[in-house]
Amino acid sequence: MQIRKFALAAVTAALATFGASSHAVLVGAGGTNPLNFSWNFNTGTSILDGVGTMTISGFNSSTLSVTISLTNNASIGGQGGERLTSFGFGIDPNATSVGFSDASDGGMTSAVLGQNFPGIQGIDICAIGGSTCAGGGNGGIFAGTSDTFTILLGGNWGSSVNIDPIGIKYQTGYGSFEFTTSSSSSSSSGGTSGQIPEPASSALAGLGLGLLGLGFYRRRKTTAAA
């Protein structure tokens, strides 16, 4: 009984964390623009953190212009450079085409539409610094550097769009990490940011489910013995 109670508590806590990790943000011509966000992810070896903005224009037209600035504040001295290799976001209504514009300054080099962002559902647009949205190659935004680029989205755009979720992918010398940030709207003079779910959340969920299974097995074994 004690194992079952702990397992249920673990699963509930983990699901609560996942449920709070992301929410849609309405970005429109009349406000909530630019959209500021940040991330802070503890890998257990280092902290992957940074800040970003999305400035959207072209409402009520067939081409939406999304100018994105990303700053990778991860430790410069970390293993493998802590490269931010992919940045993605979901958008509603959906885009029908994607274009990419940036100076030849490294960082993000292209963007794709509809390519799966590794480990995160609901992302429609992916800006790439490596070979694909899933990573690869040696590019990206290195620790201690920034990049600003523009993504052009074809579609039938009204006066606002919903942005959700926002995804970040890092490649490091000790593995790759993908996570979402809960973005919060702000004015151009400042802003707030959401929380990043810690990796421990998934471990907590797994532990809880495992303990539930163990409790079920023990109950079946006791019943059979009786």
C-alpha atoms as a PDB file:
ATOM      1  CA  MET A   1       0.000   0.000   0.000  1.00  0.00           C
ATOM      2  CA  GLN A   2       2.846   2.373   0.873  1.00  0.00           C
ATOM      3  CA  ILE A   3       4.558   1.658  -2.476  1.00  0.00           C
ATOM      4  CA  ARG A   4       1.315   2.301  -4.344  1.00  0.00           C
ATOM      5  CA  LYS A   5       0.790   5.655  -2.582  1.00  0.00           C
ATOM      6  CA  PHE A   6       4.323   6.786  -3.413  1.00  0.00           C
ATOM      7  CA  ALA A   7       3.963   5.661  -7.027  1.00  0.00           C
ATOM      8  CA  LEU A   8       0.698   7.539  -7.488  1.00  0.00           C
ATOM      9  CA  ALA A   9       2.229  10.658  -5.948  1.00  0.00           C
ATOM     10  CA  ALA A  10       5.238  10.421  -8.280  1.00  0.00           C
ATOM     11  CA  VAL A  11       3.111  10.032 -11.386  1.00  0.00           C
ATOM     12  CA  THR A  12       0.808  12.887 -10.333  1.00  0.00           C
ATOM     13  CA  ALA A  13       3.742  15.239  -9.678  1.00  0.00           C
ATOM     14  CA  ALA A  14       5.385  14.412 -12.999  1.00  0.00           C
ATOM     15  CA  LEU A  15       2.182  14.866 -14.986  1.00  0.00           C
ATOM     16  CA  ALA A  16       1.563  18.196 -13.253  1.00  0.00           C
ATOM     17  CA  THR A  17       5.010  19.349 -14.316  1.00  0.00           C
ATOM     18  CA  PHE A  18       4.436  18.276 -17.925  1.00  0.00           C
ATOM     19  CA  GLY A  19       1.009  19.918 -18.003  1.00  0.00           C
ATOM     20  CA  ALA A  20       2.454  23.255 -16.853  1.00  0.00           C
ATOM     21  CA  SER A  21       5.402  23.205 -19.236  1.00  0.00           C
ATOM     22  CA  SER A  22       3.780  24.921 -22.189  1.00  0.00           C
ATOM     23  CA  HIS A  23       0.869  27.175 -23.080  1.00  0.00           C
ATOM     24  CA  ALA A  24      -0.239  28.999 -26.198  1.00  0.00           C
ATOM     25  CA  VAL A  25       0.665  32.662 -26.499  1.00  0.00           C
ATOM     26  CA  LEU A  26      -1.389  34.960 -28.722  1.00  0.00           C
ATOM     27  CA  VAL A  27       0.846  37.305 -30.719  1.00  0.00           C
ATOM     28  CA  GLY A  28      -0.874  40.080 -32.640  1.00  0.00           C
ATOM     29  CA  ALA A  29      -0.329  43.326 -34.487  1.00  0.00           C
ATOM     30  CA  GLY A  30      -1.807  45.326 -31.618  1.00  0.00           C
ATOM     31  CA  GLY A  31       0.371  43.962 -28.810  1.00  0.00           C
ATOM     32  CA  THR A  32       2.188  40.991 -27.268  1.00  0.00           C
ATOM     33  CA  ASN A  33       4.885  41.599 -29.846  1.00  0.00           C
ATOM     34  CA  PRO A  34       7.798  40.992 -29.578  1.00  0.00           C
ATOM     35  CA  LEU A  35       7.461  37.736 -27.685  1.00  0.00           C
ATOM     36  CA  ASN A  36      10.277  37.294 -25.157  1.00  0.00           C
ATOM     37  CA  PHE A  37      11.277  33.923 -23.713  1.00  0.00           C
ATOM     38  CA  SER A  38      14.159  32.190 -21.963  1.00  0.00           C
ATOM     39  CA  TRP A  39      15.317  28.703 -21.093  1.00  0.00           C
ATOM     40  CA  ASN A  40      17.341  27.119 -18.301  1.00  0.00           C
ATOM     41  CA  PHE A  41      17.858  23.360 -18.506  1.00  0.00           C
ATOM     42  CA  ASN A  42      19.936  21.363 -16.025  1.00  0.00           C
ATOM     43  CA  THR A  43      21.561  18.379 -17.771  1.00  0.00           C
ATOM     44  CA  GLY A  44      23.193  17.164 -14.567  1.00  0.00           C
ATOM     45  CA  THR A  45      26.554  18.101 -16.086  1.00  0.00           C
ATOM     46  CA  SER A  46      25.963  21.734 -17.026  1.00  0.00           C
ATOM     47  CA  ILE A  47      23.252  24.371 -17.374  1.00  0.00           C
ATOM     48  CA  LEU A  48      21.922  25.034 -20.869  1.00  0.00           C
ATOM     49  CA  ASP A  49      20.417  28.495 -20.725  1.00  0.00           C
ATOM     50  CA  GLY A  50      19.734  31.494 -22.909  1.00  0.00           C
ATOM     51  CA  VAL A  51      17.243  34.142 -23.981  1.00  0.00           C
ATOM     52  CA  GLY A  52      15.318  34.860 -27.159  1.00  0.00           C
ATOM     53  CA  THR A  53      12.783  37.116 -28.849  1.00  0.00           C
ATOM     54  CA  MET A  54      10.334  36.625 -31.710  1.00  0.00           C
ATOM     55  CA  THR A  55       9.147  39.746 -33.541  1.00  0.00           C
ATOM     56  CA  ILE A  56       6.297  39.070 -35.971  1.00  0.00           C
ATOM     57  CA  SER A  57       5.061  41.305 -38.789  1.00  0.00           C
ATOM     58  CA  GLY A  58       3.014  40.880 -41.967  1.00  0.00           C
ATOM     59  CA  PHE A  59      -0.343  40.288 -40.305  1.00  0.00           C
ATOM     60  CA  ASN A  60      -3.403  40.355 -42.580  1.00  0.00           C
ATOM     61  CA  SER A  61      -1.297  39.281 -45.549  1.00  0.00           C
ATOM     62  CA  SER A  62      -0.087  36.117 -47.269  1.00  0.00           C
ATOM     63  CA  THR A  63       3.468  36.310 -45.857  1.00  0.00           C
ATOM     64  CA  LEU A  64       4.312  36.418 -42.159  1.00  0.00           C
ATOM     65  CA  SER A  65       7.801  37.628 -41.224  1.00  0.00           C
ATOM     66  CA  VAL A  66       9.215  36.196 -37.980  1.00  0.00           C
ATOM     67  CA  THR A  67      12.501  37.757 -36.861  1.00  0.00           C
ATOM     68  CA  ILE A  68      14.144  35.652 -34.172  1.00  0.00           C
ATOM     69  CA  SER A  69      17.094  36.537 -31.945  1.00  0.00           C
ATOM     70  CA  LEU A  70      18.691  33.804 -29.823  1.00  0.00           C
ATOM     71  CA  THR A  71      21.516  34.125 -27.295  1.00  0.00           C
ATOM     72  CA  ASN A  72      23.182  30.974 -25.992  1.00  0.00           C
ATOM     73  CA  ASN A  73      24.369  31.655 -22.443  1.00  0.00           C
ATOM     74  CA  ALA A  74      25.568  28.118 -21.706  1.00  0.00           C
ATOM     75  CA  SER A  75      28.995  27.714 -20.165  1.00  0.00           C
ATOM     76  CA  ILE A  76      31.701  28.528 -22.728  1.00  0.00           C
ATOM     77  CA  GLY A  77      34.087  26.089 -21.089  1.00  0.00           C
ATOM     78  CA  GLY A  78      31.700  23.135 -21.240  1.00  0.00           C
ATOM     79  CA  GLN A  79      32.407  19.895 -23.068  1.00  0.00           C
ATOM     80  CA  GLY A  80      31.713  20.027 -26.784  1.00  0.00           C
ATOM     81  CA  GLY A  81      30.825  23.713 -26.800  1.00  0.00           C
ATOM     82  CA  GLU A  82      27.131  23.363 -25.827  1.00  0.00           C
ATOM     83  CA  ARG A  83      25.862  24.232 -29.314  1.00  0.00           C
ATOM     84  CA  LEU A  84      22.251  25.317 -29.804  1.00  0.00           C
ATOM     85  CA  THR A  85      21.613  23.454 -33.045  1.00  0.00           C
ATOM     86  CA  SER A  86      17.826  23.678 -33.552  1.00  0.00           C
ATOM     87  CA  PHE A  87      15.042  26.063 -32.596  1.00  0.00           C
ATOM     88  CA  GLY A  88      11.409  25.325 -33.337  1.00  0.00           C
ATOM     89  CA  PHE A  89       7.915  26.575 -32.671  1.00  0.00           C
ATOM     90  CA  GLY A  90       4.312  25.657 -33.306  1.00  0.00           C
ATOM     91  CA  ILE A  91       2.062  28.198 -34.990  1.00  0.00           C
ATOM     92  CA  ASP A  92      -1.694  28.404 -35.507  1.00  0.00           C
ATOM     93  CA  PRO A  93      -2.999  28.940 -38.161  1.00  0.00           C
ATOM     94  CA  ASN A  94      -0.622  26.655 -40.003  1.00  0.00           C
ATOM     95  CA  ALA A  95       1.985  27.860 -42.474  1.00  0.00           C
ATOM     96  CA  THR A  96       1.950  26.564 -46.053  1.00  0.00           C
ATOM     97  CA  SER A  97       5.573  27.423 -46.956  1.00  0.00           C
ATOM     98  CA  VAL A  98       8.785  28.566 -45.290  1.00  0.00           C
ATOM     99  CA  GLY A  99      11.711  30.769 -46.309  1.00  0.00           C
ATOM    100  CA  PHE A 100      14.889  31.740 -44.462  1.00  0.00           C
ATOM    101  CA  SER A 101      16.926  34.939 -44.472  1.00  0.00           C
ATOM    102  CA  ASP A 102      20.185  35.604 -42.609  1.00  0.00           C
ATOM    103  CA  ALA A 103      23.679  36.936 -43.153  1.00  0.00           C
ATOM    104  CA  SER A 104      26.443  34.360 -43.593  1.00  0.00           C
ATOM    105  CA  ASP A 105      27.475  34.638 -39.954  1.00  0.00           C
ATOM    106  CA  GLY A 106      27.099  31.073 -38.731  1.00  0.00           C
ATOM    107  CA  GLY A 107      24.454  30.170 -36.189  1.00  0.00           C
ATOM    108  CA  MET A 108      21.182  29.124 -37.809  1.00  0.00           C
ATOM    109  CA  THR A 109      21.542  28.520 -41.544  1.00  0.00           C
ATOM    110  CA  SER A 110      18.114  27.347 -42.797  1.00  0.00           C
ATOM    111  CA  ALA A 111      14.545  26.557 -41.807  1.00  0.00           C
ATOM    112  CA  VAL A 112      12.149  23.719 -42.642  1.00  0.00           C
ATOM    113  CA  LEU A 113       8.404  23.209 -42.447  1.00  0.00           C
ATOM    114  CA  GLY A 114       6.794  20.121 -40.989  1.00  0.00           C
ATOM    115  CA  GLN A 115      10.002  18.263 -40.092  1.00  0.00           C
ATOM    116  CA  ASN A 116       9.709  16.475 -36.753  1.00  0.00           C
ATOM    117  CA  PHE A 117      11.500  18.224 -33.921  1.00  0.00           C
ATOM    118  CA  PRO A 118      13.195  15.437 -31.911  1.00  0.00           C
ATOM    119  CA  GLY A 119      11.256  14.472 -28.784  1.00  0.00           C
ATOM    120  CA  ILE A 120       8.746  17.363 -28.938  1.00  0.00           C
ATOM    121  CA  GLN A 121       5.297  17.226 -30.510  1.00  0.00           C
ATOM    122  CA  GLY A 122       3.415  20.150 -32.009  1.00  0.00           C
ATOM    123  CA  ILE A 123       6.348  22.044 -33.547  1.00  0.00           C
ATOM    124  CA  ASP A 124       5.682  23.174 -37.137  1.00  0.00           C
ATOM    125  CA  ILE A 125       8.719  25.333 -37.977  1.00  0.00           C
ATOM    126  CA  CYS A 126      12.338  24.392 -37.307  1.00  0.00           C
ATOM    127  CA  ALA A 127      15.386  26.654 -37.715  1.00  0.00           C
ATOM    128  CA  ILE A 128      18.540  24.597 -38.236  1.00  0.00           C
ATOM    129  CA  GLY A 129      22.185  25.160 -37.400  1.00  0.00           C
ATOM    130  CA  GLY A 130      23.252  21.587 -38.052  1.00  0.00           C
ATOM    131  CA  SER A 131      22.450  19.140 -40.848  1.00  0.00           C
ATOM    132  CA  THR A 132      18.768  18.562 -40.014  1.00  0.00           C
ATOM    133  CA  CYS A 133      16.217  19.534 -37.381  1.00  0.00           C
ATOM    134  CA  ALA A 134      17.412  16.513 -35.400  1.00  0.00           C
ATOM    135  CA  GLY A 135      20.965  17.852 -35.312  1.00  0.00           C
ATOM    136  CA  GLY A 136      24.153  16.609 -36.908  1.00  0.00           C
ATOM    137  CA  GLY A 137      27.028  18.618 -38.324  1.00  0.00           C
ATOM    138  CA  ASN A 138      29.206  21.064 -36.448  1.00  0.00           C
ATOM    139  CA  GLY A 139      27.150  24.256 -36.710  1.00  0.00           C
ATOM    140  CA  GLY A 140      24.717  26.076 -34.499  1.00  0.00           C
ATOM    141  CA  ILE A 141      24.851  28.923 -32.017  1.00  0.00           C
ATOM    142  CA  PHE A 142      27.893  28.330 -29.837  1.00  0.00           C
ATOM    143  CA  ALA A 143      28.060  29.121 -26.121  1.00  0.00           C
ATOM    144  CA  GLY A 144      28.499  32.815 -25.471  1.00  0.00           C
ATOM    145  CA  THR A 145      27.259  33.900 -28.924  1.00  0.00           C
ATOM    146  CA  SER A 146      24.017  35.151 -30.496  1.00  0.00           C
ATOM    147  CA  ASP A 147      22.281  34.952 -33.853  1.00  0.00           C
ATOM    148  CA  THR A 148      19.441  36.918 -35.450  1.00  0.00           C
ATOM    149  CA  PHE A 149      17.577  35.563 -38.477  1.00  0.00           C
ATOM    150  CA  THR A 150      14.224  35.882 -40.227  1.00  0.00           C
ATOM    151  CA  ILE A 151      11.778  33.146 -41.190  1.00  0.00           C
ATOM    152  CA  LEU A 152       9.172  33.966 -43.865  1.00  0.00           C
ATOM    153  CA  LEU A 153       5.953  31.958 -43.596  1.00  0.00           C
ATOM    154  CA  GLY A 154       3.427  31.641 -46.385  1.00  0.00           C
ATOM    155  CA  GLY A 155      -0.233  31.242 -45.494  1.00  0.00           C
ATOM    156  CA  ASN A 156      -3.504  33.022 -44.913  1.00  0.00           C
ATOM    157  CA  TRP A 157      -2.682  35.257 -41.945  1.00  0.00           C
ATOM    158  CA  GLY A 158      -5.133  37.272 -39.903  1.00  0.00           C
ATOM    159  CA  SER A 159      -4.469  39.822 -37.179  1.00  0.00           C
ATOM    160  CA  SER A 160      -2.859  37.367 -34.730  1.00  0.00           C
ATOM    161  CA  VAL A 161      -1.269  33.917 -34.367  1.00  0.00           C
ATOM    162  CA  ASN A 162      -0.860  31.413 -31.549  1.00  0.00           C
ATOM    163  CA  ILE A 163       2.708  30.351 -30.731  1.00  0.00           C
ATOM    164  CA  ASP A 164       3.011  27.014 -28.899  1.00  0.00           C
ATOM    165  CA  PRO A 165       5.261  25.221 -28.113  1.00  0.00           C
ATOM    166  CA  ILE A 166       8.787  26.654 -28.394  1.00  0.00           C
ATOM    167  CA  GLY A 167      11.474  23.987 -28.639  1.00  0.00           C
ATOM    168  CA  ILE A 168      15.227  24.112 -28.042  1.00  0.00           C
ATOM    169  CA  LYS A 169      17.827  21.491 -29.021  1.00  0.00           C
ATOM    170  CA  TYR A 170      21.439  21.395 -27.859  1.00  0.00           C
ATOM    171  CA  GLN A 171      24.295  19.154 -28.884  1.00  0.00           C
ATOM    172  CA  THR A 172      27.124  18.781 -26.376  1.00  0.00           C
ATOM    173  CA  GLY A 173      30.167  16.618 -25.794  1.00  0.00           C
ATOM    174  CA  TYR A 174      28.131  14.456 -23.402  1.00  0.00           C
ATOM    175  CA  GLY A 175      24.874  14.040 -25.347  1.00  0.00           C
ATOM    176  CA  SER A 176      22.019  15.928 -26.998  1.00  0.00           C
ATOM    177  CA  PHE A 177      19.127  17.561 -25.160  1.00  0.00           C
ATOM    178  CA  GLU A 178      15.702  18.721 -26.377  1.00  0.00           C
ATOM    179  CA  PHE A 179      13.211  20.638 -24.249  1.00  0.00           C
ATOM    180  CA  THR A 180      10.457  23.251 -24.400  1.00  0.00           C
ATOM    181  CA  THR A 181      10.163  26.644 -22.806  1.00  0.00           C
ATOM    182  CA  SER A 182       6.881  28.116 -21.579  1.00  0.00           C
ATOM    183  CA  SER A 183       6.969  31.505 -23.263  1.00  0.00           C
ATOM    184  CA  SER A 184       5.416  34.553 -21.665  1.00  0.00           C
ATOM    185  CA  SER A 185       4.312  37.623 -23.539  1.00  0.00           C
ATOM    186  CA  SER A 186       5.868  40.990 -22.768  1.00  0.00           C
ATOM    187  CA  SER A 187       6.324  44.501 -24.035  1.00  0.00           C
ATOM    188  CA  SER A 188       9.525  45.610 -25.722  1.00  0.00           C
ATOM    189  CA  SER A 189      10.698  47.182 -22.476  1.00  0.00           C
ATOM    190  CA  GLY A 190      11.058  43.953 -20.582  1.00  0.00           C
ATOM    191  CA  GLY A 191       9.314  40.712 -19.854  1.00  0.00           C
ATOM    192  CA  THR A 192       9.053  37.442 -18.026  1.00  0.00           C
ATOM    193  CA  SER A 193       9.787  33.873 -18.964  1.00  0.00           C
ATOM    194  CA  GLY A 194       8.328  30.495 -18.193  1.00  0.00           C
ATOM    195  CA  GLN A 195       9.882  27.524 -16.460  1.00  0.00           C
ATOM    196  CA  ILE A 196      11.652  24.625 -18.138  1.00  0.00           C
ATOM    197  CA  PRO A 197      10.681  21.132 -16.905  1.00  0.00           C
ATOM    198  CA  GLU A 198      13.709  19.492 -15.328  1.00  0.00           C
ATOM    199  CA  PRO A 199      14.964  16.125 -16.644  1.00  0.00           C
ATOM    200  CA  ALA A 200      14.096  14.684 -13.227  1.00  0.00           C
ATOM    201  CA  SER A 201      10.405  14.952 -14.121  1.00  0.00           C
ATOM    202  CA  SER A 202      10.590  12.144 -16.671  1.00  0.00           C
ATOM    203  CA  ALA A 203      12.633  10.035 -14.278  1.00  0.00           C
ATOM    204  CA  LEU A 204      10.019  10.627 -11.571  1.00  0.00           C
ATOM    205  CA  ALA A 205       7.240   9.522 -13.891  1.00  0.00           C
ATOM    206  CA  GLY A 206       9.142   6.379 -14.851  1.00  0.00           C
ATOM    207  CA  LEU A 207       9.828   5.543 -11.206  1.00  0.00           C
ATOM    208  CA  GLY A 208       6.182   6.004 -10.310  1.00  0.00           C
ATOM    209  CA  LEU A 209       4.943   3.775 -13.124  1.00  0.00           C
ATOM    210  CA  GLY A 210       7.524   1.146 -12.243  1.00  0.00           C
ATOM    211  CA  LEU A 211       6.437   1.095  -8.606  1.00  0.00           C
ATOM    212  CA  LEU A 212       2.792   0.815  -9.639  1.00  0.00           C
ATOM    213  CA  GLY A 213       3.685  -2.224 -11.703  1.00  0.00           C
ATOM    214  CA  LEU A 214       5.618  -3.741  -8.797  1.00  0.00           C
ATOM    215  CA  GLY A 215       2.649  -3.244  -6.489  1.00  0.00           C
ATOM    216  CA  PHE A 216       0.292  -4.918  -8.988  1.00  0.00           C
ATOM    217  CA  TYR A 217       2.690  -7.876  -9.371  1.00  0.00           C
ATOM    218  CA  ARG A 218       2.920  -8.366  -5.603  1.00  0.00           C
ATOM    219  CA  ARG A 219      -0.873  -8.322  -5.227  1.00  0.00           C
ATOM    220  CA  ARG A 220      -1.263 -10.979  -7.950  1.00  0.00           C
ATOM    221  CA  LYS A 221       1.440 -13.126  -6.354  1.00  0.00           C
ATOM    222  CA  THR A 222      -0.212 -12.904  -2.901  1.00  0.00           C
ATOM    223  CA  THR A 223      -3.625 -13.810  -4.359  1.00  0.00           C
ATOM    224  CA  ALA A 224      -2.192 -16.829  -6.212  1.00  0.00           C
ATOM    225  CA  ALA A 225      -0.437 -18.065  -3.061  1.00  0.00           C
ATOM    226  CA  ALA A 226      -3.695 -17.865  -1.069  1.00  0.00           C
END
